[in-house]
């Protein structure tokens, strides 16, 4: 399971998505704009992150909003980023 977690975090697009969600909930449309990717590509990556319990979703009308699933994900991401920036 740990290997699967790190594999999920190994994709640059997923890293960008998690980074965008660190400050709070973001709609799919806004993620598409921020990342400059197609809605299909963003949705595909979000589905994988959701299956790994790294992000969670909720609907408001026809819009879907995503956020980091829990504090563990934020801490893991931040520690990894600190490590990379330190070296």
C-alpha atoms as a PDB file:
ATOM      1  CA  UNK A   1       0.000   0.000   0.000  1.00  0.00           C
ATOM      2  CA  UNK A   2       2.845   2.373   0.777  1.00  0.00           C
ATOM      3  CA  UNK A   3       4.411   1.720  -2.625  1.00  0.00           C
ATOM      4  CA  UNK A   4       1.048   2.478  -4.260  1.00  0.00           C
ATOM      5  CA  UNK A   5       0.813   5.721  -2.306  1.00  0.00           C
ATOM      6  CA  UNK A   6       4.233   6.883  -3.470  1.00  0.00           C
ATOM      7  CA  UNK A   7       3.437   5.760  -6.997  1.00  0.00           C
ATOM      8  CA  UNK A   8       0.311   7.941  -6.919  1.00  0.00           C
ATOM      9  CA  UNK A   9       2.466  10.866  -5.816  1.00  0.00           C
ATOM     10  CA  UNK A  10       5.069  10.240  -8.516  1.00  0.00           C
ATOM     11  CA  UNK A  11       3.071  11.809 -11.344  1.00  0.00           C
ATOM     12  CA  UNK A  12       3.829  15.503 -12.049  1.00  0.00           C
ATOM     13  CA  UNK A  13       0.187  16.291 -12.882  1.00  0.00           C
ATOM     14  CA  UNK A  14      -1.014  14.754  -9.623  1.00  0.00           C
ATOM     15  CA  UNK A  15       1.621  16.760  -7.757  1.00  0.00           C
ATOM     16  CA  UNK A  16       0.306  19.954  -9.379  1.00  0.00           C
ATOM     17  CA  UNK A  17      -3.256  19.041  -8.424  1.00  0.00           C
ATOM     18  CA  UNK A  18      -2.353  18.340  -4.803  1.00  0.00           C
ATOM     19  CA  UNK A  19      -0.354  21.562  -4.662  1.00  0.00           C
ATOM     20  CA  UNK A  20      -3.375  23.509  -5.943  1.00  0.00           C
ATOM     21  CA  UNK A  21      -5.568  21.924  -3.271  1.00  0.00           C
ATOM     22  CA  UNK A  22      -3.275  22.675  -0.321  1.00  0.00           C
ATOM     23  CA  UNK A  23      -4.923  26.040   0.311  1.00  0.00           C
ATOM     24  CA  UNK A  24      -8.432  24.621   0.220  1.00  0.00           C
ATOM     25  CA  UNK A  25     -11.222  23.331  -1.939  1.00  0.00           C
ATOM     26  CA  UNK A  26     -11.075  23.949  -5.689  1.00  0.00           C
ATOM     27  CA  UNK A  27     -13.562  23.237  -8.459  1.00  0.00           C
ATOM     28  CA  UNK A  28     -12.641  21.076 -11.428  1.00  0.00           C
ATOM     29  CA  UNK A  29     -13.048  24.021 -13.810  1.00  0.00           C
ATOM     30  CA  UNK A  30     -10.601  26.111 -11.833  1.00  0.00           C
ATOM     31  CA  UNK A  31      -8.100  23.241 -11.734  1.00  0.00           C
ATOM     32  CA  UNK A  32      -8.381  22.933 -15.518  1.00  0.00           C
ATOM     33  CA  UNK A  33      -7.636  26.654 -15.889  1.00  0.00           C
ATOM     34  CA  UNK A  34      -4.752  26.662 -13.398  1.00  0.00           C
ATOM     35  CA  UNK A  35      -3.058  23.604 -14.864  1.00  0.00           C
ATOM     36  CA  UNK A  36      -3.744  24.311 -18.521  1.00  0.00           C
ATOM     37  CA  UNK A  37      -4.906  20.750 -19.123  1.00  0.00           C
ATOM     38  CA  UNK A  38      -8.095  19.322 -20.575  1.00  0.00           C
ATOM     39  CA  UNK A  39     -11.006  18.601 -18.283  1.00  0.00           C
ATOM     40  CA  UNK A  40     -10.701  14.931 -19.239  1.00  0.00           C
ATOM     41  CA  UNK A  41      -7.028  14.787 -18.186  1.00  0.00           C
ATOM     42  CA  UNK A  42      -7.685  16.526 -14.869  1.00  0.00           C
ATOM     43  CA  UNK A  43     -10.711  14.335 -14.136  1.00  0.00           C
ATOM     44  CA  UNK A  44      -8.691  11.209 -14.898  1.00  0.00           C
ATOM     45  CA  UNK A  45      -5.975  12.194 -12.420  1.00  0.00           C
ATOM     46  CA  UNK A  46      -8.522  13.229  -9.787  1.00  0.00           C
ATOM     47  CA  UNK A  47     -10.218   9.837 -10.066  1.00  0.00           C
ATOM     48  CA  UNK A  48      -6.927   8.102  -9.253  1.00  0.00           C
ATOM     49  CA  UNK A  49      -6.218  10.451  -6.351  1.00  0.00           C
ATOM     50  CA  UNK A  50      -9.716   9.868  -5.011  1.00  0.00           C
ATOM     51  CA  UNK A  51      -9.312   6.082  -5.231  1.00  0.00           C
ATOM     52  CA  UNK A  52      -6.099   6.386  -3.192  1.00  0.00           C
ATOM     53  CA  UNK A  53      -7.959   8.527  -0.613  1.00  0.00           C
ATOM     54  CA  UNK A  54      -5.641  11.463  -1.239  1.00  0.00           C
ATOM     55  CA  UNK A  55      -8.440  13.830  -2.269  1.00  0.00           C
ATOM     56  CA  UNK A  56     -12.183  13.932  -1.668  1.00  0.00           C
ATOM     57  CA  UNK A  57     -14.970  15.362  -3.774  1.00  0.00           C
ATOM     58  CA  UNK A  58     -18.368  16.870  -3.234  1.00  0.00           C
ATOM     59  CA  UNK A  59     -20.942  18.152  -5.666  1.00  0.00           C
ATOM     60  CA  UNK A  60     -22.698  21.474  -5.535  1.00  0.00           C
ATOM     61  CA  UNK A  61     -25.273  21.404  -8.272  1.00  0.00           C
ATOM     62  CA  UNK A  62     -23.456  20.346 -11.421  1.00  0.00           C
ATOM     63  CA  UNK A  63     -20.037  21.413 -10.175  1.00  0.00           C
ATOM     64  CA  UNK A  64     -17.595  19.099  -8.424  1.00  0.00           C
ATOM     65  CA  UNK A  65     -15.180  20.474  -5.856  1.00  0.00           C
ATOM     66  CA  UNK A  66     -12.090  18.717  -4.564  1.00  0.00           C
ATOM     67  CA  UNK A  67     -10.027  19.059  -1.426  1.00  0.00           C
ATOM     68  CA  UNK A  68      -7.181  17.222   0.277  1.00  0.00           C
ATOM     69  CA  UNK A  69      -8.638  14.154   2.014  1.00  0.00           C
ATOM     70  CA  UNK A  70      -6.931  14.693   5.363  1.00  0.00           C
ATOM     71  CA  UNK A  71      -4.014  16.342   7.119  1.00  0.00           C
ATOM     72  CA  UNK A  72      -1.766  13.319   6.522  1.00  0.00           C
ATOM     73  CA  UNK A  73      -1.759  14.032   2.798  1.00  0.00           C
ATOM     74  CA  UNK A  74      -0.867  17.691   3.321  1.00  0.00           C
ATOM     75  CA  UNK A  75       1.921  16.832   5.734  1.00  0.00           C
ATOM     76  CA  UNK A  76       3.343  14.119   3.469  1.00  0.00           C
ATOM     77  CA  UNK A  77       3.321  16.480   0.482  1.00  0.00           C
ATOM     78  CA  UNK A  78       4.871  19.347   2.463  1.00  0.00           C
ATOM     79  CA  UNK A  79       7.592  17.135   3.928  1.00  0.00           C
ATOM     80  CA  UNK A  80       8.452  15.792   0.484  1.00  0.00           C
ATOM     81  CA  UNK A  81       8.600  19.310  -0.944  1.00  0.00           C
ATOM     82  CA  UNK A  82      10.782  20.499   1.940  1.00  0.00           C
ATOM     83  CA  UNK A  83      13.141  17.580   1.357  1.00  0.00           C
ATOM     84  CA  UNK A  84      13.451  18.308  -2.366  1.00  0.00           C
ATOM     85  CA  UNK A  85      13.994  22.028  -1.814  1.00  0.00           C
ATOM     86  CA  UNK A  86      16.559  21.383   0.921  1.00  0.00           C
ATOM     87  CA  UNK A  87      18.831  19.342  -1.331  1.00  0.00           C
END
